[in-house]
Amino acid sequence: MCMWIGEVNLANAFTISAMGLSTVFLTLISLAIAVIVVSKVLLALGIGKKEEPKASATPAAAAKTTVATDENDETYAAIVAAVSEEMKLPVDKFRIVEITEIA
């Protein structure tokens, strides 16, 4: 079945392409919003709570540090904050032993 009467010109081709792309992206956006809403509702109900990582299970993942000097305090503080955020643990729950620069 043909929905066009006559020839398809360039303007019609771009219109149909834009409509198809917008349909796909609007559907993807609505699916992303639905996933976010459902996950927040489930977390609010207590279903699927995240398990807190154990400090003893992740010592290899912790960054290593040397004794901090005055000039490197900001760098070390940033590294400690990044490790804390990645491990999802407060700073007092892990100990950084050594930091080595990788180039």
PDB file of N, CA and C in Angstrom:
ATOM      1  N   MET A   1       0.832  -1.169   0.000  1.00  0.00           N
ATOM      2  CA  MET A   1       0.000   0.000   0.000  1.00  0.00           C
ATOM      3  C   MET A   1       0.887   1.246   0.000  1.00  0.00           C
ATOM      4  N   CYS A   2       0.626   2.146  -0.865  1.00  0.00           N
ATOM      5  CA  CYS A   2       1.433   3.350  -0.992  1.00  0.00           C
ATOM      6  C   CYS A   2       0.690   4.528  -0.377  1.00  0.00           C
ATOM      7  N   MET A   3       1.390   5.260   0.506  1.00  0.00           N
ATOM      8  CA  MET A   3       0.718   6.393   1.119  1.00  0.00           C
ATOM      9  C   MET A   3       1.007   7.695   0.391  1.00  0.00           C
ATOM     10  N   TRP A   4       1.868   7.653  -0.629  1.00  0.00           N
ATOM     11  CA  TRP A   4       2.205   8.858  -1.377  1.00  0.00           C
ATOM     12  C   TRP A   4       1.461   8.849  -2.704  1.00  0.00           C
ATOM     13  N   ILE A   5       0.941   9.974  -3.038  1.00  0.00           N
ATOM     14  CA  ILE A   5       0.359  10.136  -4.365  1.00  0.00           C
ATOM     15  C   ILE A   5       1.320  11.041  -5.118  1.00  0.00           C
ATOM     16  N   GLY A   6       1.983  10.507  -6.061  1.00  0.00           N
ATOM     17  CA  GLY A   6       2.971  11.273  -6.800  1.00  0.00           C
ATOM     18  C   GLY A   6       4.373  10.946  -6.304  1.00  0.00           C
ATOM     19  N   GLU A   7       5.302  11.842  -6.577  1.00  0.00           N
ATOM     20  CA  GLU A   7       6.695  11.615  -6.229  1.00  0.00           C
ATOM     21  C   GLU A   7       6.998  12.083  -4.803  1.00  0.00           C
ATOM     22  N   VAL A   8       8.011  11.463  -4.217  1.00  0.00           N
ATOM     23  CA  VAL A   8       8.497  11.893  -2.911  1.00  0.00           C
ATOM     24  C   VAL A   8       9.654  12.856  -3.170  1.00  0.00           C
ATOM     25  N   ASN A   9       9.501  14.098  -2.736  1.00  0.00           N
ATOM     26  CA  ASN A   9      10.582  15.050  -2.945  1.00  0.00           C
ATOM     27  C   ASN A   9      11.487  15.095  -1.715  1.00  0.00           C
ATOM     28  N   LEU A  10      12.511  15.891  -1.798  1.00  0.00           N
ATOM     29  CA  LEU A  10      13.522  15.962  -0.746  1.00  0.00           C
ATOM     30  C   LEU A  10      12.938  16.495   0.564  1.00  0.00           C
ATOM     31  N   ALA A  11      12.081  17.461   0.510  1.00  0.00           N
ATOM     32  CA  ALA A  11      11.480  18.027   1.721  1.00  0.00           C
ATOM     33  C   ALA A  11      10.634  16.977   2.441  1.00  0.00           C
ATOM     34  N   ASN A  12       9.857  16.204   1.699  1.00  0.00           N
ATOM     35  CA  ASN A  12       9.052  15.145   2.309  1.00  0.00           C
ATOM     36  C   ASN A  12       9.930  14.058   2.918  1.00  0.00           C
ATOM     37  N   ALA A  13      11.015  13.749   2.253  1.00  0.00           N
ATOM     38  CA  ALA A  13      11.932  12.724   2.768  1.00  0.00           C
ATOM     39  C   ALA A  13      12.537  13.173   4.103  1.00  0.00           C
ATOM     40  N   PHE A  14      12.952  14.437   4.192  1.00  0.00           N
ATOM     41  CA  PHE A  14      13.501  14.946   5.447  1.00  0.00           C
ATOM     42  C   PHE A  14      12.434  15.010   6.536  1.00  0.00           C
ATOM     43  N   THR A  15      11.223  15.349   6.167  1.00  0.00           N
ATOM     44  CA  THR A  15      10.139  15.402   7.152  1.00  0.00           C
ATOM     45  C   THR A  15       9.865  14.020   7.732  1.00  0.00           C
ATOM     46  N   ILE A  16       9.775  13.028   6.881  1.00  0.00           N
ATOM     47  CA  ILE A  16       9.523  11.659   7.342  1.00  0.00           C
ATOM     48  C   ILE A  16      10.691  11.165   8.197  1.00  0.00           C
ATOM     49  N   SER A  17      11.918  11.460   7.783  1.00  0.00           N
ATOM     50  CA  SER A  17      13.090  11.054   8.573  1.00  0.00           C
ATOM     51  C   SER A  17      13.085  11.720   9.938  1.00  0.00           C
ATOM     52  N   ALA A  18      12.778  13.008   9.989  1.00  0.00           N
ATOM     53  CA  ALA A  18      12.742  13.736  11.263  1.00  0.00           C
ATOM     54  C   ALA A  18      11.647  13.187  12.170  1.00  0.00           C
ATOM     55  N   MET A  19      10.500  12.854  11.598  1.00  0.00           N
ATOM     56  CA  MET A  19       9.417  12.288  12.396  1.00  0.00           C
ATOM     57  C   MET A  19       9.816  10.926  12.972  1.00  0.00           C
ATOM     58  N   GLY A  20      10.475  10.108  12.171  1.00  0.00           N
ATOM     59  CA  GLY A  20      10.921   8.803  12.655  1.00  0.00           C
ATOM     60  C   GLY A  20      11.955   8.926  13.754  1.00  0.00           C
ATOM     61  N   LEU A  21      12.941   9.801  13.556  1.00  0.00           N
ATOM     62  CA  LEU A  21      13.979   9.994  14.578  1.00  0.00           C
ATOM     63  C   LEU A  21      13.400  10.568  15.862  1.00  0.00           C
ATOM     64  N   SER A  22      12.491  11.538  15.728  1.00  0.00           N
ATOM     65  CA  SER A  22      11.904  12.114  16.940  1.00  0.00           C
ATOM     66  C   SER A  22      11.053  11.092  17.683  1.00  0.00           C
ATOM     67  N   THR A  23      10.366  10.220  16.959  1.00  0.00           N
ATOM     68  CA  THR A  23       9.591   9.159  17.610  1.00  0.00           C
ATOM     69  C   THR A  23      10.499   8.230  18.407  1.00  0.00           C
ATOM     70  N   VAL A  24      11.605   7.833  17.800  1.00  0.00           N
ATOM     71  CA  VAL A  24      12.540   6.931  18.476  1.00  0.00           C
ATOM     72  C   VAL A  24      13.127   7.603  19.715  1.00  0.00           C
ATOM     73  N   PHE A  25      13.586   8.831  19.586  1.00  0.00           N
ATOM     74  CA  PHE A  25      14.226   9.483  20.721  1.00  0.00           C
ATOM     75  C   PHE A  25      13.233   9.833  21.816  1.00  0.00           C
ATOM     76  N   LEU A  26      12.028  10.221  21.464  1.00  0.00           N
ATOM     77  CA  LEU A  26      11.022  10.476  22.500  1.00  0.00           C
ATOM     78  C   LEU A  26      10.675   9.193  23.250  1.00  0.00           C
ATOM     79  N   THR A  27      10.627   8.085  22.544  1.00  0.00           N
ATOM     80  CA  THR A  27      10.378   6.801  23.199  1.00  0.00           C
ATOM     81  C   THR A  27      11.530   6.446  24.139  1.00  0.00           C
ATOM     82  N   LEU A  28      12.759   6.645  23.696  1.00  0.00           N
ATOM     83  CA  LEU A  28      13.915   6.354  24.551  1.00  0.00           C
ATOM     84  C   LEU A  28      13.942   7.254  25.786  1.00  0.00           C
ATOM     85  N   ILE A  29      13.606   8.526  25.613  1.00  0.00           N
ATOM     86  CA  ILE A  29      13.581   9.440  26.745  1.00  0.00           C
ATOM     87  C   ILE A  29      12.504   9.031  27.740  1.00  0.00           C
ATOM     88  N   SER A  30      11.321   8.669  27.228  1.00  0.00           N
ATOM     89  CA  SER A  30      10.250   8.251  28.138  1.00  0.00           C
ATOM     90  C   SER A  30      10.605   6.955  28.859  1.00  0.00           C
ATOM     91  N   LEU A  31      11.309   6.034  28.196  1.00  0.00           N
ATOM     92  CA  LEU A  31      11.755   4.814  28.864  1.00  0.00           C
ATOM     93  C   LEU A  31      12.779   5.123  29.951  1.00  0.00           C
ATOM     94  N   ALA A  32      13.692   6.048  29.683  1.00  0.00           N
ATOM     95  CA  ALA A  32      14.691   6.426  30.689  1.00  0.00           C
ATOM     96  C   ALA A  32      14.017   7.052  31.911  1.00  0.00           C
ATOM     97  N   ILE A  33      13.040   7.914  31.676  1.00  0.00           N
ATOM     98  CA  ILE A  33      12.320   8.526  32.785  1.00  0.00           C
ATOM     99  C   ILE A  33      11.549   7.475  33.572  1.00  0.00           C
ATOM    100  N   ALA A  34      10.949   6.517  32.862  1.00  0.00           N
ATOM    101  CA  ALA A  34      10.205   5.455  33.546  1.00  0.00           C
ATOM    102  C   ALA A  34      11.132   4.611  34.417  1.00  0.00           C
ATOM    103  N   VAL A  35      12.327   4.306  33.933  1.00  0.00           N
ATOM    104  CA  VAL A  35      13.285   3.521  34.716  1.00  0.00           C
ATOM    105  C   VAL A  35      13.697   4.286  35.962  1.00  0.00           C
ATOM    106  N   ILE A  36      13.947   5.578  35.837  1.00  0.00           N
ATOM    107  CA  ILE A  36      14.340   6.393  36.992  1.00  0.00           C
ATOM    108  C   ILE A  36      13.221   6.437  38.024  1.00  0.00           C
ATOM    109  N   VAL A  37      11.997   6.659  37.558  1.00  0.00           N
ATOM    110  CA  VAL A  37      10.866   6.743  38.480  1.00  0.00           C
ATOM    111  C   VAL A  37      10.640   5.412  39.190  1.00  0.00           C
ATOM    112  N   VAL A  38      10.666   4.313  38.440  1.00  0.00           N
ATOM    113  CA  VAL A  38      10.444   2.994  39.046  1.00  0.00           C
ATOM    114  C   VAL A  38      11.549   2.666  40.041  1.00  0.00           C
ATOM    115  N   SER A  39      12.794   2.977  39.721  1.00  0.00           N
ATOM    116  CA  SER A  39      13.886   2.676  40.656  1.00  0.00           C
ATOM    117  C   SER A  39      13.751   3.502  41.932  1.00  0.00           C
ATOM    118  N   LYS A  40      13.351   4.766  41.821  1.00  0.00           N
ATOM    119  CA  LYS A  40      13.182   5.585  43.025  1.00  0.00           C
ATOM    120  C   LYS A  40      12.017   5.084  43.872  1.00  0.00           C
ATOM    121  N   VAL A  41      10.948   4.654  43.220  1.00  0.00           N
ATOM    122  CA  VAL A  41       9.804   4.118  43.963  1.00  0.00           C
ATOM    123  C   VAL A  41      10.207   2.832  44.677  1.00  0.00           C
ATOM    124  N   LEU A  42      10.930   1.955  43.989  1.00  0.00           N
ATOM    125  CA  LEU A  42      11.345   0.699  44.609  1.00  0.00           C
ATOM    126  C   LEU A  42      12.323   0.937  45.755  1.00  0.00           C
ATOM    127  N   LEU A  43      13.233   1.888  45.596  1.00  0.00           N
ATOM    128  CA  LEU A  43      14.155   2.197  46.688  1.00  0.00           C
ATOM    129  C   LEU A  43      13.405   2.824  47.865  1.00  0.00           C
ATOM    130  N   ALA A  44      12.386   3.627  47.585  1.00  0.00           N
ATOM    131  CA  ALA A  44      11.599   4.220  48.669  1.00  0.00           C
ATOM    132  C   ALA A  44      10.811   3.159  49.425  1.00  0.00           C
ATOM    133  N   LEU A  45      10.393   2.113  48.722  1.00  0.00           N
ATOM    134  CA  LEU A  45       9.671   1.015  49.363  1.00  0.00           C
ATOM    135  C   LEU A  45      10.609   0.040  50.075  1.00  0.00           C
ATOM    136  N   GLY A  46      11.923   0.189  49.858  1.00  0.00           N
ATOM    137  CA  GLY A  46      12.894  -0.688  50.501  1.00  0.00           C
ATOM    138  C   GLY A  46      13.209  -1.928  49.696  1.00  0.00           C
ATOM    139  N   ILE A  47      12.740  -1.991  48.480  1.00  0.00           N
ATOM    140  CA  ILE A  47      13.016  -3.139  47.621  1.00  0.00           C
ATOM    141  C   ILE A  47      14.273  -2.838  46.818  1.00  0.00           C
ATOM    142  N   GLY A  48      15.218  -3.759  46.831  1.00  0.00           N
ATOM    143  CA  GLY A  48      16.433  -3.589  46.042  1.00  0.00           C
ATOM    144  C   GLY A  48      17.404  -2.594  46.630  1.00  0.00           C
ATOM    145  N   LYS A  49      17.508  -2.542  47.959  1.00  0.00           N
ATOM    146  CA  LYS A  49      18.467  -1.632  48.572  1.00  0.00           C
ATOM    147  C   LYS A  49      19.876  -2.050  48.197  1.00  0.00           C
ATOM    148  N   LYS A  50      20.727  -1.046  48.039  1.00  0.00           N
ATOM    149  CA  LYS A  50      22.118  -1.312  47.714  1.00  0.00           C
ATOM    150  C   LYS A  50      22.826  -1.863  48.943  1.00  0.00           C
ATOM    151  N   GLU A  51      23.632  -2.897  48.732  1.00  0.00           N
ATOM    152  CA  GLU A  51      24.429  -3.426  49.831  1.00  0.00           C
ATOM    153  C   GLU A  51      25.649  -2.549  50.003  1.00  0.00           C
ATOM    154  N   GLU A  52      25.968  -2.257  51.250  1.00  0.00           N
ATOM    155  CA  GLU A  52      27.157  -1.468  51.505  1.00  0.00           C
ATOM    156  C   GLU A  52      28.375  -2.375  51.395  1.00  0.00           C
ATOM    157  N   PRO A  53      29.388  -1.949  50.650  1.00  0.00           N
ATOM    158  CA  PRO A  53      30.571  -2.793  50.505  1.00  0.00           C
ATOM    159  C   PRO A  53      31.303  -2.935  51.836  1.00  0.00           C
ATOM    160  N   LYS A  54      31.845  -4.109  52.049  1.00  0.00           N
ATOM    161  CA  LYS A  54      32.583  -4.356  53.282  1.00  0.00           C
ATOM    162  C   LYS A  54      33.992  -3.808  53.141  1.00  0.00           C
ATOM    163  N   ALA A  55      34.481  -3.179  54.192  1.00  0.00           N
ATOM    164  CA  ALA A  55      35.819  -2.594  54.149  1.00  0.00           C
ATOM    165  C   ALA A  55      36.878  -3.671  54.018  1.00  0.00           C
ATOM    166  N   SER A  56      36.654  -4.846  54.608  1.00  0.00           N
ATOM    167  CA  SER A  56      37.645  -5.915  54.528  1.00  0.00           C
ATOM    168  C   SER A  56      37.674  -6.558  53.158  1.00  0.00           C
ATOM    169  N   ALA A  57      36.587  -6.417  52.376  1.00  0.00           N
ATOM    170  CA  ALA A  57      36.530  -7.036  51.057  1.00  0.00           C
ATOM    171  C   ALA A  57      37.184  -6.175  49.990  1.00  0.00           C
ATOM    172  N   THR A  58      37.456  -4.917  50.272  1.00  0.00           N
ATOM    173  CA  THR A  58      37.991  -4.037  49.240  1.00  0.00           C
ATOM    174  C   THR A  58      39.312  -3.361  49.597  1.00  0.00           C
ATOM    175  N   PRO A  59      40.214  -3.997  50.342  1.00  0.00           N
ATOM    176  CA  PRO A  59      41.455  -3.276  50.615  1.00  0.00           C
ATOM    177  C   PRO A  59      42.319  -3.130  49.370  1.00  0.00           C
ATOM    178  N   ALA A  60      42.191  -4.049  48.419  1.00  0.00           N
ATOM    179  CA  ALA A  60      42.978  -3.942  47.197  1.00  0.00           C
ATOM    180  C   ALA A  60      42.482  -2.787  46.336  1.00  0.00           C
ATOM    181  N   ALA A  61      41.226  -2.421  46.469  1.00  0.00           N
ATOM    182  CA  ALA A  61      40.673  -1.332  45.668  1.00  0.00           C
ATOM    183  C   ALA A  61      41.038   0.030  46.240  1.00  0.00           C
ATOM    184  N   ALA A  62      41.458   0.076  47.483  1.00  0.00           N
ATOM    185  CA  ALA A  62      41.801   1.352  48.100  1.00  0.00           C
ATOM    186  C   ALA A  62      43.088   1.903  47.495  1.00  0.00           C
ATOM    187  N   ALA A  63      43.128   3.212  47.345  1.00  0.00           N
ATOM    188  CA  ALA A  63      44.334   3.854  46.822  1.00  0.00           C
ATOM    189  C   ALA A  63      45.417   3.813  47.891  1.00  0.00           C
ATOM    190  N   LYS A  64      46.654   3.934  47.438  1.00  0.00           N
ATOM    191  CA  LYS A  64      47.774   3.873  48.369  1.00  0.00           C
ATOM    192  C   LYS A  64      48.349   5.267  48.544  1.00  0.00           C
ATOM    193  N   THR A  65      48.782   5.605  49.775  1.00  0.00           N
ATOM    194  CA  THR A  65      49.298   6.959  50.029  1.00  0.00           C
ATOM    195  C   THR A  65      50.591   6.917  50.843  1.00  0.00           C
ATOM    196  N   THR A  66      51.419   7.899  50.630  1.00  0.00           N
ATOM    197  CA  THR A  66      52.625   8.080  51.433  1.00  0.00           C
ATOM    198  C   THR A  66      52.352   9.200  52.411  1.00  0.00           C
ATOM    199  N   VAL A  67      53.344   9.529  53.236  1.00  0.00           N
ATOM    200  CA  VAL A  67      53.160  10.602  54.204  1.00  0.00           C
ATOM    201  C   VAL A  67      52.980  11.919  53.454  1.00  0.00           C
ATOM    202  N   ALA A  68      51.938  12.654  53.799  1.00  0.00           N
ATOM    203  CA  ALA A  68      51.615  13.891  53.089  1.00  0.00           C
ATOM    204  C   ALA A  68      52.548  15.017  53.509  1.00  0.00           C
ATOM    205  N   THR A  69      52.939  15.819  52.528  1.00  0.00           N
ATOM    206  CA  THR A  69      53.699  17.023  52.814  1.00  0.00           C
ATOM    207  C   THR A  69      52.757  18.203  52.657  1.00  0.00           C
ATOM    208  N   ASP A  70      53.201  19.377  53.112  1.00  0.00           N
ATOM    209  CA  ASP A  70      52.339  20.556  53.049  1.00  0.00           C
ATOM    210  C   ASP A  70      51.934  20.905  51.628  1.00  0.00           C
ATOM    211  N   GLU A  71      52.829  20.719  50.656  1.00  0.00           N
ATOM    212  CA  GLU A  71      52.531  21.112  49.279  1.00  0.00           C
ATOM    213  C   GLU A  71      51.583  20.130  48.583  1.00  0.00           C
ATOM    214  N   ASN A  72      51.474  18.917  49.089  1.00  0.00           N
ATOM    215  CA  ASN A  72      50.630  17.912  48.450  1.00  0.00           C
ATOM    216  C   ASN A  72      49.338  17.637  49.205  1.00  0.00           C
ATOM    217  N   ASP A  73      49.030  18.414  50.226  1.00  0.00           N
ATOM    218  CA  ASP A  73      47.829  18.151  51.034  1.00  0.00           C
ATOM    219  C   ASP A  73      46.553  18.200  50.204  1.00  0.00           C
ATOM    220  N   GLU A  74      46.447  19.165  49.291  1.00  0.00           N
ATOM    221  CA  GLU A  74      45.249  19.268  48.468  1.00  0.00           C
ATOM    222  C   GLU A  74      45.106  18.073  47.543  1.00  0.00           C
ATOM    223  N   THR A  75      46.209  17.617  46.988  1.00  0.00           N
ATOM    224  CA  THR A  75      46.184  16.447  46.101  1.00  0.00           C
ATOM    225  C   THR A  75      45.745  15.217  46.873  1.00  0.00           C
ATOM    226  N   TYR A  76      46.303  15.013  48.040  1.00  0.00           N
ATOM    227  CA  TYR A  76      45.937  13.846  48.841  1.00  0.00           C
ATOM    228  C   TYR A  76      44.480  13.909  49.283  1.00  0.00           C
ATOM    229  N   ALA A  77      44.007  15.105  49.627  1.00  0.00           N
ATOM    230  CA  ALA A  77      42.615  15.255  50.027  1.00  0.00           C
ATOM    231  C   ALA A  77      41.686  14.905  48.867  1.00  0.00           C
ATOM    232  N   ALA A  78      42.055  15.300  47.644  1.00  0.00           N
ATOM    233  CA  ALA A  78      41.238  14.979  46.475  1.00  0.00           C
ATOM    234  C   ALA A  78      41.235  13.476  46.211  1.00  0.00           C
ATOM    235  N   ILE A  79      42.376  12.836  46.391  1.00  0.00           N
ATOM    236  CA  ILE A  79      42.457  11.380  46.184  1.00  0.00           C
ATOM    237  C   ILE A  79      41.625  10.646  47.222  1.00  0.00           C
ATOM    238  N   VAL A  80      41.716  11.074  48.471  1.00  0.00           N
ATOM    239  CA  VAL A  80      40.927  10.439  49.530  1.00  0.00           C
ATOM    240  C   VAL A  80      39.436  10.614  49.257  1.00  0.00           C
ATOM    241  N   ALA A  81      39.039  11.800  48.818  1.00  0.00           N
ATOM    242  CA  ALA A  81      37.624  12.043  48.506  1.00  0.00           C
ATOM    243  C   ALA A  81      37.163  11.174  47.340  1.00  0.00           C
ATOM    244  N   ALA A  82      38.008  11.025  46.327  1.00  0.00           N
ATOM    245  CA  ALA A  82      37.644  10.199  45.172  1.00  0.00           C
ATOM    246  C   ALA A  82      37.519   8.730  45.567  1.00  0.00           C
ATOM    247  N   VAL A  83      38.436   8.238  46.387  1.00  0.00           N
ATOM    248  CA  VAL A  83      38.367   6.849  46.842  1.00  0.00           C
ATOM    249  C   VAL A  83      37.128   6.642  47.697  1.00  0.00           C
ATOM    250  N   SER A  84      36.836   7.591  48.572  1.00  0.00           N
ATOM    251  CA  SER A  84      35.659   7.492  49.424  1.00  0.00           C
ATOM    252  C   SER A  84      34.380   7.453  48.593  1.00  0.00           C
ATOM    253  N   GLU A  85      34.311   8.282  47.572  1.00  0.00           N
ATOM    254  CA  GLU A  85      33.128   8.321  46.706  1.00  0.00           C
ATOM    255  C   GLU A  85      33.008   7.019  45.906  1.00  0.00           C
ATOM    256  N   GLU A  86      34.104   6.530  45.380  1.00  0.00           N
ATOM    257  CA  GLU A  86      34.065   5.305  44.567  1.00  0.00           C
ATOM    258  C   GLU A  86      33.699   4.088  45.399  1.00  0.00           C
ATOM    259  N   MET A  87      34.236   4.006  46.615  1.00  0.00           N
ATOM    260  CA  MET A  87      33.949   2.854  47.475  1.00  0.00           C
ATOM    261  C   MET A  87      32.626   3.017  48.210  1.00  0.00           C
ATOM    262  N   LYS A  88      32.038   4.210  48.146  1.00  0.00           N
ATOM    263  CA  LYS A  88      30.787   4.518  48.842  1.00  0.00           C
ATOM    264  C   LYS A  88      30.915   4.249  50.347  1.00  0.00           C
ATOM    265  N   LEU A  89      32.053   4.646  50.896  1.00  0.00           N
ATOM    266  CA  LEU A  89      32.337   4.500  52.324  1.00  0.00           C
ATOM    267  C   LEU A  89      32.777   5.845  52.885  1.00  0.00           C
ATOM    268  N   PRO A  90      32.463   6.122  54.150  1.00  0.00           N
ATOM    269  CA  PRO A  90      33.011   7.334  54.758  1.00  0.00           C
ATOM    270  C   PRO A  90      34.530   7.200  54.932  1.00  0.00           C
ATOM    271  N   VAL A  91      35.170   8.329  55.062  1.00  0.00           N
ATOM    272  CA  VAL A  91      36.638   8.347  55.120  1.00  0.00           C
ATOM    273  C   VAL A  91      37.178   7.560  56.310  1.00  0.00           C
ATOM    274  N   ASP A  92      36.454   7.513  57.420  1.00  0.00           N
ATOM    275  CA  ASP A  92      36.955   6.807  58.594  1.00  0.00           C
ATOM    276  C   ASP A  92      36.795   5.290  58.497  1.00  0.00           C
ATOM    277  N   LYS A  93      36.212   4.774  57.419  1.00  0.00           N
ATOM    278  CA  LYS A  93      35.996   3.330  57.285  1.00  0.00           C
ATOM    279  C   LYS A  93      37.089   2.636  56.471  1.00  0.00           C
ATOM    280  N   PHE A  94      38.046   3.381  55.929  1.00  0.00           N
ATOM    281  CA  PHE A  94      39.158   2.754  55.214  1.00  0.00           C
ATOM    282  C   PHE A  94      40.428   3.533  55.503  1.00  0.00           C
ATOM    283  N   ARG A  95      41.558   2.894  55.216  1.00  0.00           N
ATOM    284  CA  ARG A  95      42.853   3.509  55.472  1.00  0.00           C
ATOM    285  C   ARG A  95      43.697   3.447  54.217  1.00  0.00           C
ATOM    286  N   ILE A  96      44.204   4.572  53.794  1.00  0.00           N
ATOM    287  CA  ILE A  96      45.069   4.628  52.616  1.00  0.00           C
ATOM    288  C   ILE A  96      46.496   4.444  53.097  1.00  0.00           C
ATOM    289  N   VAL A  97      47.175   3.475  52.493  1.00  0.00           N
ATOM    290  CA  VAL A  97      48.515   3.114  52.936  1.00  0.00           C
ATOM    291  C   VAL A  97      49.593   3.799  52.098  1.00  0.00           C
ATOM    292  N   GLU A  98      49.402   3.814  50.780  1.00  0.00           N
ATOM    293  CA  GLU A  98      50.442   4.353  49.911  1.00  0.00           C
ATOM    294  C   GLU A  98      49.818   4.841  48.610  1.00  0.00           C
ATOM    295  N   ILE A  99      50.346   5.936  48.070  1.00  0.00           N
ATOM    296  CA  ILE A  99      49.933   6.422  46.757  1.00  0.00           C
ATOM    297  C   ILE A  99      51.150   6.408  45.863  1.00  0.00           C
ATOM    298  N   THR A 100      51.003   5.776  44.721  1.00  0.00           N
ATOM    299  CA  THR A 100      52.101   5.752  43.745  1.00  0.00           C
ATOM    300  C   THR A 100      51.613   6.393  42.458  1.00  0.00           C
ATOM    301  N   GLU A 101      52.421   7.250  41.866  1.00  0.00           N
ATOM    302  CA  GLU A 101      52.055   7.934  40.634  1.00  0.00           C
ATOM    303  C   GLU A 101      52.331   7.027  39.456  1.00  0.00           C
ATOM    304  N   ILE A 102      51.367   6.965  38.527  1.00  0.00           N
ATOM    305  CA  ILE A 102      51.499   6.061  37.375  1.00  0.00           C
ATOM    306  C   ILE A 102      51.945   6.828  36.142  1.00  0.00           C
ATOM    307  N   ALA A 103      52.525   7.826  36.093  1.00  0.00           N
ATOM    308  CA  ALA A 103      52.997   8.547  34.918  1.00  0.00           C
ATOM    309  C   ALA A 103      52.126   9.639  34.553  1.00  0.00           C
TER     310      ALA A 103
END
